[in-house]
Amino acid sequence: MNEDRLNAFEKMLSAILAQYDSDAAKLAALKAEGKEKTATYRQLFAKKMQYQTILSYYRAYGLLEEDEKS
């Protein structure tokens, strides 16, 4: 069971990091277009902040390196 749990954690962490990167890229594109006030930008920004919070918990418990996603 512990190996399955570790694999599930690693899979979840990879998914969160990938989504964080994807949302950050979309935010950068929208910002370059001057669309910081759109609903889409604000929704993506909120999602990015949510992922940052999750990643900070992983970091606090020593499950993520300090240099991975701030």
PDB file of N, CA and C in Angstrom:
ATOM      1  N   MET A   1       0.820  -1.196   0.000  1.00  0.00           N
ATOM      2  CA  MET A   1       0.000   0.000   0.000  1.00  0.00           C
ATOM      3  C   MET A   1       0.866   1.263   0.000  1.00  0.00           C
ATOM      4  N   ASN A   2       1.956   1.287   0.744  1.00  0.00           N
ATOM      5  CA  ASN A   2       2.793   2.485   0.810  1.00  0.00           C
ATOM      6  C   ASN A   2       3.352   2.854  -0.551  1.00  0.00           C
ATOM      7  N   GLU A   3       3.725   1.867  -1.348  1.00  0.00           N
ATOM      8  CA  GLU A   3       4.254   2.159  -2.686  1.00  0.00           C
ATOM      9  C   GLU A   3       3.170   2.754  -3.573  1.00  0.00           C
ATOM     10  N   ASP A   4       1.949   2.224  -3.486  1.00  0.00           N
ATOM     11  CA  ASP A   4       0.832   2.768  -4.251  1.00  0.00           C
ATOM     12  C   ASP A   4       0.549   4.213  -3.839  1.00  0.00           C
ATOM     13  N   ARG A   5       0.630   4.458  -2.559  1.00  0.00           N
ATOM     14  CA  ARG A   5       0.376   5.797  -2.043  1.00  0.00           C
ATOM     15  C   ARG A   5       1.458   6.774  -2.516  1.00  0.00           C
ATOM     16  N   LEU A   6       2.703   6.337  -2.485  1.00  0.00           N
ATOM     17  CA  LEU A   6       3.805   7.170  -2.964  1.00  0.00           C
ATOM     18  C   LEU A   6       3.651   7.463  -4.453  1.00  0.00           C
ATOM     19  N   ASN A   7       3.294   6.454  -5.227  1.00  0.00           N
ATOM     20  CA  ASN A   7       3.072   6.657  -6.665  1.00  0.00           C
ATOM     21  C   ASN A   7       1.937   7.640  -6.922  1.00  0.00           C
ATOM     22  N   ALA A   8       0.872   7.534  -6.136  1.00  0.00           N
ATOM     23  CA  ALA A   8      -0.255   8.446  -6.287  1.00  0.00           C
ATOM     24  C   ALA A   8       0.171   9.877  -5.945  1.00  0.00           C
ATOM     25  N   PHE A   9       0.976  10.021  -4.882  1.00  0.00           N
ATOM     26  CA  PHE A   9       1.476  11.340  -4.520  1.00  0.00           C
ATOM     27  C   PHE A   9       2.319  11.925  -5.646  1.00  0.00           C
ATOM     28  N   GLU A  10       3.249  11.146  -6.166  1.00  0.00           N
ATOM     29  CA  GLU A  10       4.129  11.622  -7.238  1.00  0.00           C
ATOM     30  C   GLU A  10       3.322  12.014  -8.474  1.00  0.00           C
ATOM     31  N   LYS A  11       2.296  11.236  -8.782  1.00  0.00           N
ATOM     32  CA  LYS A  11       1.438  11.541  -9.929  1.00  0.00           C
ATOM     33  C   LYS A  11       0.670  12.843  -9.703  1.00  0.00           C
ATOM     34  N   MET A  12       0.155  13.016  -8.499  1.00  0.00           N
ATOM     35  CA  MET A  12      -0.579  14.226  -8.162  1.00  0.00           C
ATOM     36  C   MET A  12       0.335  15.440  -8.202  1.00  0.00           C
ATOM     37  N   LEU A  13       1.540  15.315  -7.649  1.00  0.00           N
ATOM     38  CA  LEU A  13       2.497  16.415  -7.658  1.00  0.00           C
ATOM     39  C   LEU A  13       2.848  16.805  -9.088  1.00  0.00           C
ATOM     40  N   SER A  14       3.070  15.830  -9.942  1.00  0.00           N
ATOM     41  CA  SER A  14       3.372  16.120 -11.349  1.00  0.00           C
ATOM     42  C   SER A  14       2.221  16.863 -12.019  1.00  0.00           C
ATOM     43  N   ALA A  15       1.005  16.443 -11.729  1.00  0.00           N
ATOM     44  CA  ALA A  15      -0.166  17.093 -12.322  1.00  0.00           C
ATOM     45  C   ALA A  15      -0.287  18.538 -11.836  1.00  0.00           C
ATOM     46  N   ILE A  16      -0.047  18.774 -10.566  1.00  0.00           N
ATOM     47  CA  ILE A  16      -0.137  20.130 -10.019  1.00  0.00           C
ATOM     48  C   ILE A  16       0.942  21.023 -10.618  1.00  0.00           C
ATOM     49  N   LEU A  17       2.167  20.510 -10.712  1.00  0.00           N
ATOM     50  CA  LEU A  17       3.250  21.294 -11.298  1.00  0.00           C
ATOM     51  C   LEU A  17       2.975  21.603 -12.770  1.00  0.00           C
ATOM     52  N   ALA A  18       2.438  20.635 -13.506  1.00  0.00           N
ATOM     53  CA  ALA A  18       2.122  20.857 -14.918  1.00  0.00           C
ATOM     54  C   ALA A  18       1.019  21.898 -15.075  1.00  0.00           C
ATOM     55  N   GLN A  19      -0.012  21.805 -14.249  1.00  0.00           N
ATOM     56  CA  GLN A  19      -1.113  22.775 -14.322  1.00  0.00           C
ATOM     57  C   GLN A  19      -0.628  24.166 -13.927  1.00  0.00           C
ATOM     58  N   TYR A  20       0.227  24.235 -12.915  1.00  0.00           N
ATOM     59  CA  TYR A  20       0.795  25.517 -12.496  1.00  0.00           C
ATOM     60  C   TYR A  20       1.554  26.159 -13.658  1.00  0.00           C
ATOM     61  N   ASP A  21       2.397  25.373 -14.320  1.00  0.00           N
ATOM     62  CA  ASP A  21       3.162  25.891 -15.467  1.00  0.00           C
ATOM     63  C   ASP A  21       2.245  26.337 -16.596  1.00  0.00           C
ATOM     64  N   SER A  22       1.221  25.549 -16.874  1.00  0.00           N
ATOM     65  CA  SER A  22       0.273  25.873 -17.932  1.00  0.00           C
ATOM     66  C   SER A  22      -0.463  27.175 -17.640  1.00  0.00           C
ATOM     67  N   ASP A  23      -0.954  27.305 -16.419  1.00  0.00           N
ATOM     68  CA  ASP A  23      -1.676  28.520 -16.037  1.00  0.00           C
ATOM     69  C   ASP A  23      -0.755  29.737 -16.055  1.00  0.00           C
ATOM     70  N   ALA A  24       0.486  29.568 -15.609  1.00  0.00           N
ATOM     71  CA  ALA A  24       1.442  30.684 -15.618  1.00  0.00           C
ATOM     72  C   ALA A  24       1.717  31.146 -17.048  1.00  0.00           C
ATOM     73  N   ALA A  25       1.833  30.207 -17.977  1.00  0.00           N
ATOM     74  CA  ALA A  25       2.063  30.563 -19.377  1.00  0.00           C
ATOM     75  C   ALA A  25       0.854  31.298 -19.964  1.00  0.00           C
ATOM     76  N   LYS A  26      -0.345  30.820 -19.645  1.00  0.00           N
ATOM     77  CA  LYS A  26      -1.562  31.487 -20.128  1.00  0.00           C
ATOM     78  C   LYS A  26      -1.679  32.893 -19.554  1.00  0.00           C
ATOM     79  N   LEU A  27      -1.331  33.044 -18.270  1.00  0.00           N
ATOM     80  CA  LEU A  27      -1.362  34.365 -17.647  1.00  0.00           C
ATOM     81  C   LEU A  27      -0.387  35.315 -18.325  1.00  0.00           C
ATOM     82  N   ALA A  28       0.802  34.828 -18.627  1.00  0.00           N
ATOM     83  CA  ALA A  28       1.808  35.662 -19.293  1.00  0.00           C
ATOM     84  C   ALA A  28       1.313  36.107 -20.664  1.00  0.00           C
ATOM     85  N   ALA A  29       0.661  35.201 -21.390  1.00  0.00           N
ATOM     86  CA  ALA A  29       0.137  35.538 -22.716  1.00  0.00           C
ATOM     87  C   ALA A  29      -0.964  36.596 -22.614  1.00  0.00           C
ATOM     88  N   LEU A  30      -1.870  36.403 -21.660  1.00  0.00           N
ATOM     89  CA  LEU A  30      -2.945  37.381 -21.475  1.00  0.00           C
ATOM     90  C   LEU A  30      -2.389  38.741 -21.039  1.00  0.00           C
ATOM     91  N   LYS A  31      -1.386  38.713 -20.162  1.00  0.00           N
ATOM     92  CA  LYS A  31      -0.779  39.968 -19.712  1.00  0.00           C
ATOM     93  C   LYS A  31      -0.109  40.691 -20.876  1.00  0.00           C
ATOM     94  N   ALA A  32       0.543  39.936 -21.756  1.00  0.00           N
ATOM     95  CA  ALA A  32       1.194  40.537 -22.921  1.00  0.00           C
ATOM     96  C   ALA A  32       0.180  41.192 -23.853  1.00  0.00           C
ATOM     97  N   GLU A  33      -1.036  40.681 -23.836  1.00  0.00           N
ATOM     98  CA  GLU A  33      -2.111  41.242 -24.659  1.00  0.00           C
ATOM     99  C   GLU A  33      -2.861  42.365 -23.929  1.00  0.00           C
ATOM    100  N   GLY A  34      -2.449  42.668 -22.700  1.00  0.00           N
ATOM    101  CA  GLY A  34      -3.111  43.722 -21.934  1.00  0.00           C
ATOM    102  C   GLY A  34      -4.470  43.322 -21.401  1.00  0.00           C
ATOM    103  N   LYS A  35      -4.657  42.036 -21.136  1.00  0.00           N
ATOM    104  CA  LYS A  35      -5.966  41.543 -20.701  1.00  0.00           C
ATOM    105  C   LYS A  35      -5.983  41.152 -19.227  1.00  0.00           C
ATOM    106  N   GLU A  36      -5.309  41.950 -18.387  1.00  0.00           N
ATOM    107  CA  GLU A  36      -5.258  41.630 -16.960  1.00  0.00           C
ATOM    108  C   GLU A  36      -6.592  41.822 -16.249  1.00  0.00           C
ATOM    109  N   LYS A  37      -7.508  42.545 -16.829  1.00  0.00           N
ATOM    110  CA  LYS A  37      -8.785  42.818 -16.170  1.00  0.00           C
ATOM    111  C   LYS A  37      -9.899  41.871 -16.596  1.00  0.00           C
ATOM    112  N   THR A  38      -9.580  40.893 -17.438  1.00  0.00           N
ATOM    113  CA  THR A  38     -10.611  39.968 -17.911  1.00  0.00           C
ATOM    114  C   THR A  38     -10.936  38.919 -16.849  1.00  0.00           C
ATOM    115  N   ALA A  39     -12.105  38.335 -16.971  1.00  0.00           N
ATOM    116  CA  ALA A  39     -12.516  37.275 -16.047  1.00  0.00           C
ATOM    117  C   ALA A  39     -11.594  36.065 -16.177  1.00  0.00           C
ATOM    118  N   THR A  40     -11.194  35.754 -17.392  1.00  0.00           N
ATOM    119  CA  THR A  40     -10.303  34.611 -17.617  1.00  0.00           C
ATOM    120  C   THR A  40      -8.982  34.812 -16.893  1.00  0.00           C
ATOM    121  N   TYR A  41      -8.402  35.992 -17.009  1.00  0.00           N
ATOM    122  CA  TYR A  41      -7.138  36.281 -16.336  1.00  0.00           C
ATOM    123  C   TYR A  41      -7.297  36.126 -14.825  1.00  0.00           C
ATOM    124  N   ARG A  42      -8.360  36.683 -14.299  1.00  0.00           N
ATOM    125  CA  ARG A  42      -8.575  36.626 -12.853  1.00  0.00           C
ATOM    126  C   ARG A  42      -8.808  35.201 -12.358  1.00  0.00           C
ATOM    127  N   GLN A  43      -9.531  34.405 -13.146  1.00  0.00           N
ATOM    128  CA  GLN A  43      -9.742  33.007 -12.779  1.00  0.00           C
ATOM    129  C   GLN A  43      -8.429  32.232 -12.793  1.00  0.00           C
ATOM    130  N   LEU A  44      -7.636  32.441 -13.837  1.00  0.00           N
ATOM    131  CA  LEU A  44      -6.339  31.766 -13.919  1.00  0.00           C
ATOM    132  C   LEU A  44      -5.415  32.212 -12.790  1.00  0.00           C
ATOM    133  N   PHE A  45      -5.454  33.487 -12.466  1.00  0.00           N
ATOM    134  CA  PHE A  45      -4.632  33.998 -11.379  1.00  0.00           C
ATOM    135  C   PHE A  45      -5.026  33.325 -10.056  1.00  0.00           C
ATOM    136  N   ALA A  46      -6.310  33.193  -9.813  1.00  0.00           N
ATOM    137  CA  ALA A  46      -6.789  32.553  -8.588  1.00  0.00           C
ATOM    138  C   ALA A  46      -6.362  31.081  -8.544  1.00  0.00           C
ATOM    139  N   LYS A  47      -6.456  30.395  -9.679  1.00  0.00           N
ATOM    140  CA  LYS A  47      -6.018  28.997  -9.734  1.00  0.00           C
ATOM    141  C   LYS A  47      -4.520  28.890  -9.453  1.00  0.00           C
ATOM    142  N   LYS A  48      -3.741  29.798 -10.036  1.00  0.00           N
ATOM    143  CA  LYS A  48      -2.296  29.781  -9.824  1.00  0.00           C
ATOM    144  C   LYS A  48      -1.979  29.976  -8.344  1.00  0.00           C
ATOM    145  N   MET A  49      -2.665  30.893  -7.706  1.00  0.00           N
ATOM    146  CA  MET A  49      -2.449  31.130  -6.274  1.00  0.00           C
ATOM    147  C   MET A  49      -2.829  29.897  -5.447  1.00  0.00           C
ATOM    148  N   GLN A  50      -3.884  29.232  -5.859  1.00  0.00           N
ATOM    149  CA  GLN A  50      -4.307  28.013  -5.171  1.00  0.00           C
ATOM    150  C   GLN A  50      -3.224  26.937  -5.285  1.00  0.00           C
ATOM    151  N   TYR A  51      -2.659  26.783  -6.479  1.00  0.00           N
ATOM    152  CA  TYR A  51      -1.583  25.807  -6.669  1.00  0.00           C
ATOM    153  C   TYR A  51      -0.348  26.204  -5.870  1.00  0.00           C
ATOM    154  N   GLN A  52      -0.047  27.489  -5.780  1.00  0.00           N
ATOM    155  CA  GLN A  52       1.087  27.940  -4.979  1.00  0.00           C
ATOM    156  C   GLN A  52       0.895  27.570  -3.510  1.00  0.00           C
ATOM    157  N   THR A  53      -0.324  27.696  -3.025  1.00  0.00           N
ATOM    158  CA  THR A  53      -0.621  27.339  -1.642  1.00  0.00           C
ATOM    159  C   THR A  53      -0.406  25.850  -1.410  1.00  0.00           C
ATOM    160  N   ILE A  54      -0.895  25.024  -2.310  1.00  0.00           N
ATOM    161  CA  ILE A  54      -0.710  23.578  -2.202  1.00  0.00           C
ATOM    162  C   ILE A  54       0.776  23.241  -2.207  1.00  0.00           C
ATOM    163  N   LEU A  55       1.521  23.849  -3.127  1.00  0.00           N
ATOM    164  CA  LEU A  55       2.949  23.582  -3.220  1.00  0.00           C
ATOM    165  C   LEU A  55       3.686  24.065  -1.967  1.00  0.00           C
ATOM    166  N   SER A  56       3.208  25.127  -1.346  1.00  0.00           N
ATOM    167  CA  SER A  56       3.856  25.596  -0.121  1.00  0.00           C
ATOM    168  C   SER A  56       3.650  24.602   1.030  1.00  0.00           C
ATOM    169  N   TYR A  57       2.503  23.939   1.059  1.00  0.00           N
ATOM    170  CA  TYR A  57       2.290  22.887   2.052  1.00  0.00           C
ATOM    171  C   TYR A  57       3.251  21.729   1.815  1.00  0.00           C
ATOM    172  N   TYR A  58       3.405  21.318   0.565  1.00  0.00           N
ATOM    173  CA  TYR A  58       4.360  20.252   0.252  1.00  0.00           C
ATOM    174  C   TYR A  58       5.760  20.642   0.707  1.00  0.00           C
ATOM    175  N   ARG A  59       6.136  21.889   0.459  1.00  0.00           N
ATOM    176  CA  ARG A  59       7.462  22.382   0.846  1.00  0.00           C
ATOM    177  C   ARG A  59       7.616  22.372   2.372  1.00  0.00           C
ATOM    178  N   ALA A  60       6.585  22.803   3.073  1.00  0.00           N
ATOM    179  CA  ALA A  60       6.630  22.871   4.542  1.00  0.00           C
ATOM    180  C   ALA A  60       6.833  21.499   5.174  1.00  0.00           C
ATOM    181  N   TYR A  61       6.331  20.475   4.528  1.00  0.00           N
ATOM    182  CA  TYR A  61       6.464  19.119   5.050  1.00  0.00           C
ATOM    183  C   TYR A  61       7.645  18.367   4.448  1.00  0.00           C
ATOM    184  N   GLY A  62       8.491  19.086   3.706  1.00  0.00           N
ATOM    185  CA  GLY A  62       9.690  18.485   3.150  1.00  0.00           C
ATOM    186  C   GLY A  62       9.438  17.565   1.973  1.00  0.00           C
ATOM    187  N   LEU A  63       8.311  17.730   1.309  1.00  0.00           N
ATOM    188  CA  LEU A  63       7.958  16.873   0.183  1.00  0.00           C
ATOM    189  C   LEU A  63       8.287  17.499  -1.161  1.00  0.00           C
ATOM    190  N   LEU A  64       8.804  18.719  -1.134  1.00  0.00           N
ATOM    191  CA  LEU A  64       9.127  19.441  -2.358  1.00  0.00           C
ATOM    192  C   LEU A  64      10.357  20.285  -2.082  1.00  0.00           C
ATOM    193  N   GLU A  65      11.265  20.321  -3.028  1.00  0.00           N
ATOM    194  CA  GLU A  65      12.476  21.120  -2.874  1.00  0.00           C
ATOM    195  C   GLU A  65      12.140  22.598  -2.876  1.00  0.00           C
ATOM    196  N   GLU A  66      12.934  23.391  -2.197  1.00  0.00           N
ATOM    197  CA  GLU A  66      12.715  24.831  -2.096  1.00  0.00           C
ATOM    198  C   GLU A  66      12.728  25.532  -3.458  1.00  0.00           C
ATOM    199  N   ASP A  67      13.563  25.055  -4.384  1.00  0.00           N
ATOM    200  CA  ASP A  67      13.718  25.735  -5.663  1.00  0.00           C
ATOM    201  C   ASP A  67      12.639  25.374  -6.684  1.00  0.00           C
ATOM    202  N   GLU A  68      11.751  24.460  -6.345  1.00  0.00           N
ATOM    203  CA  GLU A  68      10.671  24.078  -7.251  1.00  0.00           C
ATOM    204  C   GLU A  68       9.470  24.996  -7.045  1.00  0.00           C
ATOM    205  N   LYS A  69       9.091  25.732  -8.030  1.00  0.00           N
ATOM    206  CA  LYS A  69       7.908  26.606  -8.068  1.00  0.00           C
ATOM    207  C   LYS A  69       7.710  27.400  -6.792  1.00  0.00           C
ATOM    208  N   SER A  70       7.733  28.678  -6.924  1.00  0.00           N
ATOM    209  CA  SER A  70       7.551  29.556  -5.754  1.00  0.00           C
ATOM    210  C   SER A  70       6.113  29.975  -5.630  1.00  0.00           C
TER     211      SER A  70
END
